[in-house]
PDB file of all heavy atoms in Angstrom:
ATOM      1  N   ASP A   1     -17.154  12.787  20.295  1.00  0.00           N
ATOM      2  CA  ASP A   1     -18.376  12.524  19.651  1.00  0.00           C
ATOM      3  C   ASP A   1     -18.776  11.068  19.831  1.00  0.00           C
ATOM      4  O   ASP A   1     -17.923  10.144  19.859  1.00  0.00           O
ATOM      5  CB  ASP A   1     -18.229  12.758  18.099  1.00  0.00           C
ATOM      6  CG  ASP A   1     -18.468  14.166  17.668  1.00  0.00           C
ATOM      7  OD1 ASP A   1     -19.200  14.864  18.470  1.00  0.00           O
ATOM      8  OD2 ASP A   1     -18.043  14.574  16.601  1.00  0.00           O
ATOM      9  N   ALA A   2     -20.085  10.843  20.058  1.00  0.00           N
ATOM     10  CA  ALA A   2     -20.577   9.468  20.251  1.00  0.00           C
ATOM     11  C   ALA A   2     -21.992   9.427  19.584  1.00  0.00           C
ATOM     12  O   ALA A   2     -22.716  10.395  19.655  1.00  0.00           O
ATOM     13  CB  ALA A   2     -20.670   9.098  21.706  1.00  0.00           C
ATOM     14  N   ASN A   3     -22.247   8.293  18.964  1.00  0.00           N
ATOM     15  CA  ASN A   3     -23.558   8.124  18.202  1.00  0.00           C
ATOM     16  C   ASN A   3     -24.012   6.713  18.439  1.00  0.00           C
ATOM     17  O   ASN A   3     -23.218   5.766  18.574  1.00  0.00           O
ATOM     18  CB  ASN A   3     -23.377   8.281  16.757  1.00  0.00           C
ATOM     19  CG  ASN A   3     -22.672   9.569  16.324  1.00  0.00           C
ATOM     20  OD1 ASN A   3     -23.313  10.623  16.392  1.00  0.00           O
ATOM     21  ND2 ASN A   3     -21.407   9.526  16.027  1.00  0.00           N
ATOM     22  N   VAL A   4     -25.332   6.563  18.376  1.00  0.00           N
ATOM     23  CA  VAL A   4     -26.004   5.209  18.360  1.00  0.00           C
ATOM     24  C   VAL A   4     -26.621   5.257  16.958  1.00  0.00           C
ATOM     25  O   VAL A   4     -27.450   6.096  16.629  1.00  0.00           O
ATOM     26  CB  VAL A   4     -27.043   4.947  19.416  1.00  0.00           C
ATOM     27  CG1 VAL A   4     -27.707   3.643  19.210  1.00  0.00           C
ATOM     28  CG2 VAL A   4     -26.417   5.076  20.816  1.00  0.00           C
ATOM     29  N   VAL A   5     -26.135   4.286  16.113  1.00  0.00           N
ATOM     30  CA  VAL A   5     -26.575   4.325  14.676  1.00  0.00           C
ATOM     31  C   VAL A   5     -27.280   3.024  14.322  1.00  0.00           C
ATOM     32  O   VAL A   5     -26.730   1.908  14.709  1.00  0.00           O
ATOM     33  CB  VAL A   5     -25.317   4.472  13.770  1.00  0.00           C
ATOM     34  CG1 VAL A   5     -25.702   4.465  12.279  1.00  0.00           C
ATOM     35  CG2 VAL A   5     -24.574   5.762  14.114  1.00  0.00           C
ATOM     36  N   ARG A   6     -28.436   3.082  13.710  1.00  0.00           N
ATOM     37  CA  ARG A   6     -29.109   1.814  13.194  1.00  0.00           C
ATOM     38  C   ARG A   6     -28.953   1.873  11.692  1.00  0.00           C
ATOM     39  O   ARG A   6     -29.206   2.808  11.004  1.00  0.00           O
ATOM     40  CB  ARG A   6     -30.565   1.899  13.501  1.00  0.00           C
ATOM     41  CG  ARG A   6     -31.290   0.684  12.849  1.00  0.00           C
ATOM     42  CD  ARG A   6     -32.817   0.676  13.088  1.00  0.00           C
ATOM     43  NE  ARG A   6     -32.964   0.083  14.435  1.00  0.00           N
ATOM     44  CZ  ARG A   6     -33.889   0.471  15.309  1.00  0.00           C
ATOM     45  NH1 ARG A   6     -34.696   1.498  14.962  1.00  0.00           N
ATOM     46  NH2 ARG A   6     -34.003  -0.100  16.431  1.00  0.00           N
ATOM     47  N   VAL A   7     -28.540   0.676  11.165  1.00  0.00           N
ATOM     48  CA  VAL A   7     -28.403   0.414   9.700  1.00  0.00           C
ATOM     49  C   VAL A   7     -29.312  -0.754   9.383  1.00  0.00           C
ATOM     50  O   VAL A   7     -29.074  -1.810   9.797  1.00  0.00           O
ATOM     51  CB  VAL A   7     -26.886   0.122   9.306  1.00  0.00           C
ATOM     52  CG1 VAL A   7     -26.825   0.004   7.768  1.00  0.00           C
ATOM     53  CG2 VAL A   7     -25.966   1.205   9.778  1.00  0.00           C
ATOM     54  N   PRO A   8     -30.374  -0.524   8.643  1.00  0.00           N
ATOM     55  CA  PRO A   8     -31.318  -1.581   8.293  1.00  0.00           C
ATOM     56  C   PRO A   8     -30.771  -2.518   7.256  1.00  0.00           C
ATOM     57  O   PRO A   8     -29.860  -2.210   6.551  1.00  0.00           O
ATOM     58  CB  PRO A   8     -32.528  -0.798   7.735  1.00  0.00           C
ATOM     59  CG  PRO A   8     -31.993   0.457   7.202  1.00  0.00           C
ATOM     60  CD  PRO A   8     -30.758   0.833   8.069  1.00  0.00           C
ATOM     61  N   PRO A   9     -31.357  -3.737   7.241  1.00  0.00           N
ATOM     62  CA  PRO A   9     -30.974  -4.695   6.201  1.00  0.00           C
ATOM     63  C   PRO A   9     -31.045  -4.043   4.772  1.00  0.00           C
ATOM     64  O   PRO A   9     -31.995  -3.300   4.507  1.00  0.00           O
ATOM     65  CB  PRO A   9     -31.862  -5.874   6.355  1.00  0.00           C
ATOM     66  CG  PRO A   9     -32.762  -5.615   7.614  1.00  0.00           C
ATOM     67  CD  PRO A   9     -32.568  -4.148   7.947  1.00  0.00           C
ATOM     68  N   GLY A  10     -30.106  -4.414   3.929  1.00  0.00           N
ATOM     69  CA  GLY A  10     -30.161  -3.918   2.564  1.00  0.00           C
ATOM     70  C   GLY A  10     -29.684  -2.479   2.393  1.00  0.00           C
ATOM     71  O   GLY A  10     -29.781  -1.926   1.267  1.00  0.00           O
ATOM     72  N   SER A  11     -29.160  -1.857   3.396  1.00  0.00           N
ATOM     73  CA  SER A  11     -28.720  -0.444   3.322  1.00  0.00           C
ATOM     74  C   SER A  11     -27.303  -0.345   3.876  1.00  0.00           C
ATOM     75  O   SER A  11     -27.049   0.207   4.892  1.00  0.00           O
ATOM     76  CB  SER A  11     -29.632   0.473   4.106  1.00  0.00           C
ATOM     77  OG  SER A  11     -30.883   0.478   3.619  1.00  0.00           O
ATOM     78  N   PRO A  12     -26.292  -0.924   3.148  1.00  0.00           N
ATOM     79  CA  PRO A  12     -24.919  -0.897   3.665  1.00  0.00           C
ATOM     80  C   PRO A  12     -24.336   0.535   3.870  1.00  0.00           C
ATOM     81  O   PRO A  12     -24.755   1.448   3.148  1.00  0.00           O
ATOM     82  CB  PRO A  12     -24.176  -1.658   2.606  1.00  0.00           C
ATOM     83  CG  PRO A  12     -24.934  -1.454   1.380  1.00  0.00           C
ATOM     84  CD  PRO A  12     -26.369  -1.402   1.804  1.00  0.00           C
ATOM     85  N   VAL A  13     -23.406   0.626   4.769  1.00  0.00           N
ATOM     86  CA  VAL A  13     -22.593   1.856   4.899  1.00  0.00           C
ATOM     87  C   VAL A  13     -21.485   1.607   3.931  1.00  0.00           C
ATOM     88  O   VAL A  13     -20.638   0.690   4.121  1.00  0.00           O
ATOM     89  CB  VAL A  13     -22.066   2.041   6.306  1.00  0.00           C
ATOM     90  CG1 VAL A  13     -21.111   3.209   6.397  1.00  0.00           C
ATOM     91  CG2 VAL A  13     -23.235   2.139   7.358  1.00  0.00           C
ATOM     92  N   GLY A  14     -21.382   2.396   2.838  1.00  0.00           N
ATOM     93  CA  GLY A  14     -20.463   2.172   1.767  1.00  0.00           C
ATOM     94  C   GLY A  14     -19.006   2.327   2.184  1.00  0.00           C
ATOM     95  O   GLY A  14     -18.675   2.895   3.230  1.00  0.00           O
ATOM     96  N   ASP A  15     -18.226   1.801   1.330  1.00  0.00           N
ATOM     97  CA  ASP A  15     -16.771   1.861   1.502  1.00  0.00           C
ATOM     98  C   ASP A  15     -16.269   3.265   1.647  1.00  0.00           C
ATOM     99  O   ASP A  15     -16.633   4.123   0.812  1.00  0.00           O
ATOM    100  CB  ASP A  15     -16.094   1.201   0.289  1.00  0.00           C
ATOM    101  CG  ASP A  15     -14.659   0.918   0.442  1.00  0.00           C
ATOM    102  OD1 ASP A  15     -14.233   0.252   1.366  1.00  0.00           O
ATOM    103  OD2 ASP A  15     -13.865   1.450  -0.427  1.00  0.00           O
ATOM    104  N   HIS A  16     -15.562   3.584   2.702  1.00  0.00           N
ATOM    105  CA  HIS A  16     -15.070   4.999   2.904  1.00  0.00           C
ATOM    106  C   HIS A  16     -13.839   4.925   3.835  1.00  0.00           C
ATOM    107  O   HIS A  16     -13.556   3.980   4.468  1.00  0.00           O
ATOM    108  CB  HIS A  16     -16.216   5.851   3.539  1.00  0.00           C
ATOM    109  CG  HIS A  16     -16.604   5.518   4.920  1.00  0.00           C
ATOM    110  ND1 HIS A  16     -17.412   4.409   5.178  1.00  0.00           N
ATOM    111  CD2 HIS A  16     -16.287   5.967   6.085  1.00  0.00           C
ATOM    112  CE1 HIS A  16     -17.572   4.281   6.453  1.00  0.00           C
ATOM    113  NE2 HIS A  16     -16.956   5.249   7.089  1.00  0.00           N
ATOM    114  N   VAL A  17     -13.171   6.092   3.928  1.00  0.00           N
ATOM    115  CA  VAL A  17     -12.047   6.233   4.805  1.00  0.00           C
ATOM    116  C   VAL A  17     -12.305   7.454   5.719  1.00  0.00           C
ATOM    117  O   VAL A  17     -12.694   8.471   5.238  1.00  0.00           O
ATOM    118  CB  VAL A  17     -10.762   6.515   3.973  1.00  0.00           C
ATOM    119  CG1 VAL A  17      -9.560   6.937   4.899  1.00  0.00           C
ATOM    120  CG2 VAL A  17     -10.392   5.341   3.073  1.00  0.00           C
ATOM    121  N   GLU A  18     -12.079   7.243   7.001  1.00  0.00           N
ATOM    122  CA  GLU A  18     -12.144   8.339   7.941  1.00  0.00           C
ATOM    123  C   GLU A  18     -10.706   8.766   8.171  1.00  0.00           C
ATOM    124  O   GLU A  18      -9.930   8.115   8.760  1.00  0.00           O
ATOM    125  CB  GLU A  18     -12.781   7.875   9.262  1.00  0.00           C
ATOM    126  CG  GLU A  18     -12.661   8.861  10.412  1.00  0.00           C
ATOM    127  CD  GLU A  18     -13.079  10.271  10.060  1.00  0.00           C
ATOM    128  OE1 GLU A  18     -14.268  10.464   9.806  1.00  0.00           O
ATOM    129  OE2 GLU A  18     -12.204  11.159  10.046  1.00  0.00           O
ATOM    130  N   ALA A  19     -10.369   9.999   7.613  1.00  0.00           N
ATOM    131  CA  ALA A  19      -9.018  10.374   7.598  1.00  0.00           C
ATOM    132  C   ALA A  19      -8.554  11.114   8.875  1.00  0.00           C
ATOM    133  O   ALA A  19      -7.401  11.203   9.181  1.00  0.00           O
ATOM    134  CB  ALA A  19      -8.713  11.305   6.407  1.00  0.00           C
ATOM    135  N   GLN A  20      -9.512  11.665   9.645  1.00  0.00           N
ATOM    136  CA  GLN A  20      -9.174  12.505  10.810  1.00  0.00           C
ATOM    137  C   GLN A  20      -9.084  11.800  12.156  1.00  0.00           C
ATOM    138  O   GLN A  20      -8.249  12.199  12.946  1.00  0.00           O
ATOM    139  CB  GLN A  20     -10.263  13.622  10.926  1.00  0.00           C
ATOM    140  CG  GLN A  20     -10.137  14.716   9.942  1.00  0.00           C
ATOM    141  CD  GLN A  20     -11.046  15.880  10.233  1.00  0.00           C
ATOM    142  OE1 GLN A  20     -11.990  15.705  11.011  1.00  0.00           O
ATOM    143  NE2 GLN A  20     -10.820  16.983   9.641  1.00  0.00           N
ATOM    144  N   VAL A  21      -9.927  10.825  12.393  1.00  0.00           N
ATOM    145  CA  VAL A  21      -9.993  10.306  13.737  1.00  0.00           C
ATOM    146  C   VAL A  21     -10.033   8.713  13.814  1.00  0.00           C
ATOM    147  O   VAL A  21     -10.586   8.147  12.881  1.00  0.00           O
ATOM    148  CB  VAL A  21     -11.207  10.846  14.521  1.00  0.00           C
ATOM    149  CG1 VAL A  21     -11.149  12.313  14.713  1.00  0.00           C
ATOM    150  CG2 VAL A  21     -12.548  10.487  13.763  1.00  0.00           C
ATOM    151  N   ASP A  22      -9.513   8.234  14.843  1.00  0.00           N
ATOM    152  CA  ASP A  22      -9.747   6.745  15.160  1.00  0.00           C
ATOM    153  C   ASP A  22     -11.166   6.628  15.667  1.00  0.00           C
ATOM    154  O   ASP A  22     -11.711   7.573  16.323  1.00  0.00           O
ATOM    155  CB  ASP A  22      -8.788   6.321  16.261  1.00  0.00           C
ATOM    156  CG  ASP A  22      -7.331   6.361  15.872  1.00  0.00           C
ATOM    157  OD1 ASP A  22      -7.014   6.247  14.608  1.00  0.00           O
ATOM    158  OD2 ASP A  22      -6.522   6.572  16.793  1.00  0.00           O
ATOM    159  N   VAL A  23     -11.798   5.520  15.397  1.00  0.00           N
ATOM    160  CA  VAL A  23     -13.194   5.273  15.837  1.00  0.00           C
ATOM    161  C   VAL A  23     -13.255   3.978  16.585  1.00  0.00           C
ATOM    162  O   VAL A  23     -12.657   2.957  16.191  1.00  0.00           O
ATOM    163  CB  VAL A  23     -14.160   5.223  14.699  1.00  0.00           C
ATOM    164  CG1 VAL A  23     -15.540   4.956  15.059  1.00  0.00           C
ATOM    165  CG2 VAL A  23     -14.105   6.538  13.927  1.00  0.00           C
ATOM    166  N   LEU A  24     -14.045   3.988  17.734  1.00  0.00           N
ATOM    167  CA  LEU A  24     -14.364   2.752  18.429  1.00  0.00           C
ATOM    168  C   LEU A  24     -15.787   2.399  18.076  1.00  0.00           C
ATOM    169  O   LEU A  24     -16.684   3.289  18.197  1.00  0.00           O
ATOM    170  CB  LEU A  24     -14.193   2.941  19.942  1.00  0.00           C
ATOM    171  CG  LEU A  24     -14.298   1.711  20.773  1.00  0.00           C
ATOM    172  CD1 LEU A  24     -13.171   0.777  20.486  1.00  0.00           C
ATOM    173  CD2 LEU A  24     -14.402   2.041  22.254  1.00  0.00           C
ATOM    174  N   LEU A  25     -15.998   1.210  17.610  1.00  0.00           N
ATOM    175  CA  LEU A  25     -17.350   0.789  17.161  1.00  0.00           C
ATOM    176  C   LEU A  25     -17.769  -0.379  18.118  1.00  0.00           C
ATOM    177  O   LEU A  25     -16.990  -1.378  18.365  1.00  0.00           O
ATOM    178  CB  LEU A  25     -17.384   0.268  15.729  1.00  0.00           C
ATOM    179  CG  LEU A  25     -18.667  -0.234  15.135  1.00  0.00           C
ATOM    180  CD1 LEU A  25     -18.787   0.307  13.728  1.00  0.00           C
ATOM    181  CD2 LEU A  25     -18.819  -1.658  15.225  1.00  0.00           C
ATOM    182  N   VAL A  26     -18.986  -0.312  18.740  1.00  0.00           N
ATOM    183  CA  VAL A  26     -19.506  -1.304  19.627  1.00  0.00           C
ATOM    184  C   VAL A  26     -20.852  -1.782  19.062  1.00  0.00           C
ATOM    185  O   VAL A  26     -21.778  -0.908  19.006  1.00  0.00           O
ATOM    186  CB  VAL A  26     -19.643  -0.724  21.094  1.00  0.00           C
ATOM    187  CG1 VAL A  26     -20.182  -1.838  21.993  1.00  0.00           C
ATOM    188  CG2 VAL A  26     -18.318  -0.174  21.613  1.00  0.00           C
ATOM    189  N   VAL A  27     -21.000  -2.975  18.733  1.00  0.00           N
ATOM    190  CA  VAL A  27     -22.217  -3.500  18.188  1.00  0.00           C
ATOM    191  C   VAL A  27     -23.179  -3.783  19.418  1.00  0.00           C
ATOM    192  O   VAL A  27     -22.805  -4.527  20.359  1.00  0.00           O
ATOM    193  CB  VAL A  27     -22.075  -4.792  17.410  1.00  0.00           C
ATOM    194  CG1 VAL A  27     -23.387  -5.290  16.879  1.00  0.00           C
ATOM    195  CG2 VAL A  27     -21.153  -4.534  16.253  1.00  0.00           C
ATOM    196  N   VAL A  28     -24.388  -3.175  19.407  1.00  0.00           N
ATOM    197  CA  VAL A  28     -25.285  -3.356  20.497  1.00  0.00           C
ATOM    198  C   VAL A  28     -26.563  -4.146  20.123  1.00  0.00           C
ATOM    199  O   VAL A  28     -27.257  -4.674  20.997  1.00  0.00           O
ATOM    200  CB  VAL A  28     -25.765  -1.944  21.094  1.00  0.00           C
ATOM    201  CG1 VAL A  28     -24.617  -1.285  21.729  1.00  0.00           C
ATOM    202  CG2 VAL A  28     -26.470  -1.101  20.090  1.00  0.00           C
ATOM    203  N   SER A  29     -26.778  -4.345  18.831  1.00  0.00           N
ATOM    204  CA  SER A  29     -27.868  -5.183  18.432  1.00  0.00           C
ATOM    205  C   SER A  29     -27.665  -5.600  17.009  1.00  0.00           C
ATOM    206  O   SER A  29     -27.108  -4.950  16.253  1.00  0.00           O
ATOM    207  CB  SER A  29     -29.222  -4.338  18.490  1.00  0.00           C
ATOM    208  OG  SER A  29     -30.294  -4.982  18.025  1.00  0.00           O
ATOM    209  N   GLY A  30     -28.266  -6.815  16.658  1.00  0.00           N
ATOM    210  CA  GLY A  30     -28.120  -7.301  15.299  1.00  0.00           C
ATOM    211  C   GLY A  30     -26.708  -7.787  14.951  1.00  0.00           C
ATOM    212  O   GLY A  30     -25.887  -8.146  15.844  1.00  0.00           O
TER     213      GLY A  30
END
């Protein structure tokens, strides 16, 4: 699975746990 995700200012991705998979995160802007 791969996604390009935009998170605008003032809209945090809240505290959570991903229990199933390791994730690689690459910042492409901002």
